[in-house]
Protein backbone atom coordinates (compact mmCIF):
# COMPACT_ATOMS: atom_id res chain seq x y z
CA UNK A 1 -67.35 -138.93 -61.04
CA UNK A 2 -71.13 -139.53 -60.48
CA UNK A 3 -73.08 -137.92 -57.43
CA UNK A 4 -76.18 -138.71 -56.18
CA UNK A 5 -77.74 -136.04 -53.46
CA UNK A 6 -80.56 -136.97 -51.14
CA UNK A 7 -83.03 -134.79 -49.37
CA UNK A 8 -86.45 -135.52 -47.53
CA UNK A 9 -85.44 -137.51 -44.47
CA UNK A 10 -86.47 -136.75 -41.00
CA UNK A 11 -88.75 -137.28 -37.98
CA UNK A 12 -92.29 -138.35 -38.58
CA UNK A 13 -95.04 -139.67 -36.31
CA UNK A 14 -96.52 -143.05 -37.41
CA UNK A 15 -98.82 -142.83 -40.00
CA UNK A 16 -97.00 -139.61 -41.56
CA UNK A 17 -95.80 -138.97 -44.73
CA UNK A 18 -92.31 -137.93 -46.43
CA UNK A 19 -90.97 -137.77 -49.73
CA UNK A 20 -87.00 -138.18 -50.35
CA UNK A 21 -85.91 -136.66 -53.74
CA UNK A 22 -82.44 -137.81 -55.09
CA UNK A 23 -80.71 -136.08 -58.10
CA UNK A 24 -77.89 -137.29 -60.17
CA UNK A 25 -75.01 -135.16 -61.39
CA UNK A 26 -71.91 -135.99 -63.50
CA UNK A 27 -70.33 -137.74 -65.86
CA UNK A 28 -73.49 -140.54 -66.73
CA UNK A 29 -73.98 -142.28 -70.13
CA UNK A 30 -77.34 -143.75 -69.56
CA UNK A 31 -79.24 -144.52 -66.85
CA UNK A 32 -80.80 -147.90 -66.64
CA UNK A 33 -82.57 -147.68 -63.41
CA UNK A 34 -82.76 -145.61 -60.09
CA UNK A 35 -84.03 -146.70 -56.96
CA UNK A 36 -83.91 -146.23 -53.09
CA UNK A 37 -82.53 -148.78 -50.64
CA UNK A 38 -82.31 -148.70 -46.79
CA UNK A 39 -80.32 -150.15 -44.25
CA UNK A 40 -80.63 -150.58 -40.25
CA UNK A 41 -77.53 -150.84 -37.96
CA UNK A 42 -75.79 -154.54 -38.15
CA UNK A 43 -78.37 -155.38 -41.22
CA UNK A 44 -77.68 -155.23 -44.75
CA UNK A 45 -78.84 -153.03 -47.39
CA UNK A 46 -82.33 -153.66 -48.89
CA UNK A 47 -84.22 -152.78 -51.88
CA UNK A 48 -87.30 -150.36 -51.28
CA UNK A 49 -88.43 -149.43 -54.57
CA UNK A 50 -86.76 -148.98 -57.97
CA UNK A 51 -87.68 -147.73 -61.37
CA UNK A 52 -86.28 -148.39 -65.00
CA UNK A 53 -85.56 -145.37 -67.46
CA UNK A 54 -88.61 -147.16 -69.19
CA UNK A 55 -91.10 -146.81 -65.91
CA UNK A 56 -91.10 -150.55 -64.92
CA UNK A 57 -91.35 -150.86 -61.11
CA UNK A 58 -90.09 -153.07 -58.30
CA UNK A 59 -90.98 -152.53 -54.59
CA UNK A 60 -90.27 -154.42 -51.26
CA UNK A 61 -93.56 -156.57 -50.31
CA UNK A 62 -93.13 -154.45 -46.92
CA UNK A 63 -93.73 -151.30 -48.50
CA UNK A 64 -96.13 -151.88 -51.64
CA UNK A 65 -99.27 -149.82 -51.47
CA UNK A 66 -97.93 -147.62 -49.28
CA UNK A 67 -94.64 -146.22 -51.11
CA UNK A 68 -94.23 -144.80 -54.58
CA UNK A 69 -91.86 -144.49 -56.52
CA UNK A 70 -91.20 -141.86 -59.85
CA UNK A 71 -88.62 -140.27 -61.53
CA UNK A 72 -87.67 -137.73 -64.44
CA UNK A 73 -85.12 -139.22 -66.34
CA UNK A 74 -84.62 -135.79 -68.29
CA UNK A 75 -83.58 -134.43 -64.58
CA UNK A 76 -81.83 -137.48 -63.21
CA UNK A 77 -83.98 -137.49 -60.42
CA UNK A 78 -86.05 -140.11 -58.43
CA UNK A 79 -88.55 -139.86 -55.36
CA UNK A 80 -89.92 -142.00 -52.97
CA UNK A 81 -93.61 -140.72 -51.52
CA UNK A 82 -93.64 -142.48 -48.17
CA UNK A 83 -97.30 -142.69 -46.81
CA UNK A 84 -98.72 -144.49 -43.68
CA UNK A 85 -94.93 -144.76 -42.10
CA UNK A 86 -94.60 -147.26 -39.41
CA UNK A 87 -91.81 -147.38 -37.17
CA UNK A 88 -90.22 -150.37 -38.89
CA UNK A 89 -89.49 -148.00 -41.90
CA UNK A 90 -87.29 -146.32 -39.57
CA UNK A 91 -83.19 -146.37 -41.66
CA UNK A 92 -81.08 -144.70 -43.32
CA UNK A 93 -82.41 -144.33 -46.79
CA UNK A 94 -79.87 -144.44 -49.94
CA UNK A 95 -80.49 -143.35 -53.38
CA UNK A 96 -79.17 -145.84 -56.07
CA UNK A 97 -78.21 -145.58 -59.78
CA UNK A 98 -77.39 -148.15 -62.34
CA UNK A 99 -75.54 -146.47 -64.99
CA UNK A 100 -74.55 -148.38 -68.20
CA UNK A 101 -70.79 -147.74 -68.72
CA UNK A 102 -69.50 -149.89 -71.56
CA UNK A 103 -69.30 -152.87 -71.56
CA UNK A 104 -71.34 -153.29 -68.01
CA UNK A 105 -73.37 -151.54 -65.60
CA UNK A 106 -72.16 -149.58 -62.50
CA UNK A 107 -73.99 -148.77 -59.17
CA UNK A 108 -73.49 -145.42 -57.72
CA UNK A 109 -74.67 -144.66 -54.44
CA UNK A 110 -75.90 -141.47 -52.43
CA UNK A 111 -74.58 -140.51 -48.89
CA UNK A 112 -78.09 -141.48 -47.41
CA UNK A 113 -80.83 -139.59 -45.64
CA UNK A 114 -82.24 -140.51 -42.13
CA UNK A 115 -85.87 -141.50 -41.53
CA UNK A 116 -87.08 -142.10 -38.33
CA UNK A 117 -90.90 -142.75 -37.30
CA UNK A 118 -91.71 -142.72 -33.56
CA UNK A 119 -94.09 -140.87 -31.67
């Protein structure tokens, strides 16, 4: 009963910027973390960035110093500011939420938003 809705994807030129947003709704006991993963055809879904409810962050090496993740826990919303975009950043970006559902933590996923970086 948890739904994640993403927005902000699109076509951008190399060196440009995009901001992705994701808002969670539904029955959520407690959010442990929210983040972004990305996937290209034939490849596994890989972590881009994540942030815990306490504010700790984790970034893939390929996006450090270019992307910034932020969140508003009260709104169950996470953002990904993407600067200095490269063609290799082209992928479908998926919002992820890790929710505490006793006695464990469960993953939820958004439908994905396409990011294309091309001249």
